[in-house]
């Protein structure tokens, strides 16, 4: 199974981890949320940088 860093995939994993509610799952949810924010920032920068080239 391939691991996806797409924003929607990160958010799905965050939701699942938050529902688990364990200390470890909350830590991993925070990490997944960070991955999602970074993926969204990458999408945004790619769109805006190409617009100015």
N, C-alpha and C. Protein backbone atom coordinates (compact mmCIF):
# COMPACT_ATOMS: atom_id res chain seq x y z
N UNK A 1 0.85 -1.18 0.00
CA UNK A 1 0.00 0.00 0.00
C UNK A 1 0.89 1.24 0.00
N UNK A 2 0.62 2.15 -0.90
CA UNK A 2 1.39 3.39 -1.00
C UNK A 2 0.91 4.39 0.04
N UNK A 3 1.85 5.16 0.57
CA UNK A 3 1.53 6.18 1.56
C UNK A 3 1.37 7.50 0.84
N UNK A 4 0.23 8.12 0.96
CA UNK A 4 -0.06 9.36 0.25
C UNK A 4 0.13 10.57 1.15
N UNK A 5 0.81 11.58 0.62
CA UNK A 5 0.98 12.84 1.34
C UNK A 5 0.01 13.90 0.82
N UNK A 6 -1.02 13.49 0.10
CA UNK A 6 -2.04 14.43 -0.36
C UNK A 6 -2.78 14.99 0.85
N UNK A 7 -3.22 16.22 0.72
CA UNK A 7 -3.89 16.90 1.84
C UNK A 7 -5.09 16.09 2.32
N UNK A 8 -5.90 15.63 1.41
CA UNK A 8 -7.10 14.89 1.80
C UNK A 8 -6.75 13.58 2.52
N UNK A 9 -5.70 12.92 2.08
CA UNK A 9 -5.28 11.68 2.74
C UNK A 9 -4.77 11.96 4.15
N UNK A 10 -4.02 13.04 4.30
CA UNK A 10 -3.52 13.41 5.64
C UNK A 10 -4.69 13.69 6.58
N UNK A 11 -5.68 14.41 6.09
CA UNK A 11 -6.83 14.75 6.93
C UNK A 11 -7.64 13.52 7.32
N UNK A 12 -7.74 12.57 6.42
CA UNK A 12 -8.44 11.32 6.75
C UNK A 12 -7.72 10.57 7.86
N UNK A 13 -6.38 10.53 7.76
CA UNK A 13 -5.61 9.86 8.80
C UNK A 13 -5.72 10.60 10.13
N UNK A 14 -5.71 11.94 10.09
CA UNK A 14 -5.86 12.74 11.31
C UNK A 14 -7.19 12.41 11.98
N UNK A 15 -8.26 12.39 11.22
CA UNK A 15 -9.58 12.10 11.76
C UNK A 15 -9.61 10.72 12.43
N UNK A 16 -9.05 9.74 11.76
CA UNK A 16 -9.02 8.38 12.32
C UNK A 16 -8.20 8.33 13.61
N UNK A 17 -7.06 9.00 13.61
CA UNK A 17 -6.19 8.99 14.79
C UNK A 17 -6.83 9.73 15.96
N UNK A 18 -7.52 10.83 15.70
CA UNK A 18 -8.18 11.57 16.77
C UNK A 18 -9.28 10.75 17.41
N UNK A 19 -9.98 9.99 16.59
CA UNK A 19 -11.05 9.15 17.12
C UNK A 19 -10.51 8.04 18.02
N UNK A 20 -9.29 7.58 17.74
CA UNK A 20 -8.68 6.54 18.58
C UNK A 20 -8.45 7.09 19.99
N UNK A 21 -7.99 8.33 20.09
CA UNK A 21 -7.91 9.00 21.37
C UNK A 21 -6.79 8.60 22.31
N UNK A 22 -5.91 7.71 21.89
CA UNK A 22 -4.80 7.35 22.77
C UNK A 22 -3.72 8.43 22.69
N UNK A 23 -2.84 8.40 23.66
CA UNK A 23 -1.76 9.40 23.68
C UNK A 23 -0.89 9.29 22.43
N UNK A 24 -0.57 8.05 22.06
CA UNK A 24 0.27 7.83 20.87
C UNK A 24 -0.46 8.28 19.60
N UNK A 25 -1.74 7.99 19.50
CA UNK A 25 -2.48 8.38 18.29
C UNK A 25 -2.62 9.90 18.19
N UNK A 26 -2.72 10.59 19.32
CA UNK A 26 -2.77 12.05 19.29
C UNK A 26 -1.46 12.64 18.81
N UNK A 27 -0.35 12.03 19.21
CA UNK A 27 0.96 12.47 18.74
C UNK A 27 1.08 12.29 17.23
N UNK A 28 0.67 11.13 16.75
CA UNK A 28 0.72 10.88 15.31
C UNK A 28 -0.27 11.75 14.55
N UNK A 29 -1.39 12.07 15.15
CA UNK A 29 -2.36 12.97 14.51
C UNK A 29 -1.74 14.34 14.31
N UNK A 30 -0.99 14.82 15.31
CA UNK A 30 -0.32 16.11 15.19
C UNK A 30 0.70 16.08 14.05
N UNK A 31 1.42 14.98 13.94
CA UNK A 31 2.40 14.83 12.86
C UNK A 31 1.71 14.81 11.50
N UNK A 32 0.62 14.06 11.41
CA UNK A 32 -0.13 14.00 10.16
C UNK A 32 -0.70 15.38 9.79
N UNK A 33 -1.15 16.10 10.80
CA UNK A 33 -1.68 17.45 10.54
C UNK A 33 -0.57 18.33 9.98
N UNK A 34 0.62 18.21 10.54
CA UNK A 34 1.75 18.98 10.01
C UNK A 34 2.03 18.61 8.56
N UNK A 35 2.02 17.30 8.26
CA UNK A 35 2.23 16.87 6.88
C UNK A 35 1.17 17.49 5.96
N UNK A 36 -0.07 17.52 6.43
CA UNK A 36 -1.15 18.10 5.63
C UNK A 36 -0.96 19.58 5.39
N UNK A 37 -0.53 20.31 6.40
CA UNK A 37 -0.28 21.75 6.25
C UNK A 37 0.86 21.97 5.26
N UNK A 38 1.92 21.17 5.37
CA UNK A 38 3.04 21.31 4.46
C UNK A 38 2.63 20.97 3.03
N UNK A 39 1.80 19.95 2.86
CA UNK A 39 1.34 19.58 1.52
C UNK A 39 0.48 20.69 0.92
N UNK A 40 -0.37 21.29 1.74
CA UNK A 40 -1.21 22.39 1.26
C UNK A 40 -0.37 23.60 0.89
N UNK A 41 0.65 23.90 1.69
CA UNK A 41 1.54 25.02 1.40
C UNK A 41 2.29 24.77 0.09
N UNK A 42 2.72 23.54 -0.12
CA UNK A 42 3.40 23.20 -1.37
C UNK A 42 2.48 23.41 -2.56
N UNK A 43 1.22 22.97 -2.45
CA UNK A 43 0.25 23.19 -3.53
C UNK A 43 0.09 24.67 -3.81
N UNK A 44 -0.07 25.45 -2.76
CA UNK A 44 -0.27 26.90 -2.89
C UNK A 44 0.93 27.56 -3.57
N UNK A 45 2.12 27.21 -3.11
CA UNK A 45 3.32 27.83 -3.67
C UNK A 45 3.53 27.44 -5.12
N UNK A 46 3.24 26.21 -5.45
CA UNK A 46 3.36 25.78 -6.85
C UNK A 46 2.41 26.58 -7.74
N UNK A 47 1.19 26.80 -7.27
CA UNK A 47 0.23 27.56 -8.06
C UNK A 47 0.62 29.02 -8.20
N UNK A 48 1.06 29.63 -7.13
CA UNK A 48 1.39 31.05 -7.19
C UNK A 48 2.71 31.32 -7.88
N UNK A 49 3.69 30.43 -7.72
CA UNK A 49 4.98 30.65 -8.36
C UNK A 49 4.87 30.49 -9.87
N UNK A 50 4.10 29.51 -10.34
CA UNK A 50 3.95 29.32 -11.78
C UNK A 50 3.20 30.48 -12.42
N UNK A 51 2.36 31.11 -11.65
CA UNK A 51 1.58 32.24 -12.18
C UNK A 51 2.48 33.42 -12.52
N UNK A 52 3.60 33.57 -11.80
CA UNK A 52 4.47 34.72 -12.02
C UNK A 52 5.62 34.42 -12.95
N UNK A 53 5.73 33.20 -13.44
CA UNK A 53 6.82 32.87 -14.37
C UNK A 53 6.45 33.18 -15.79
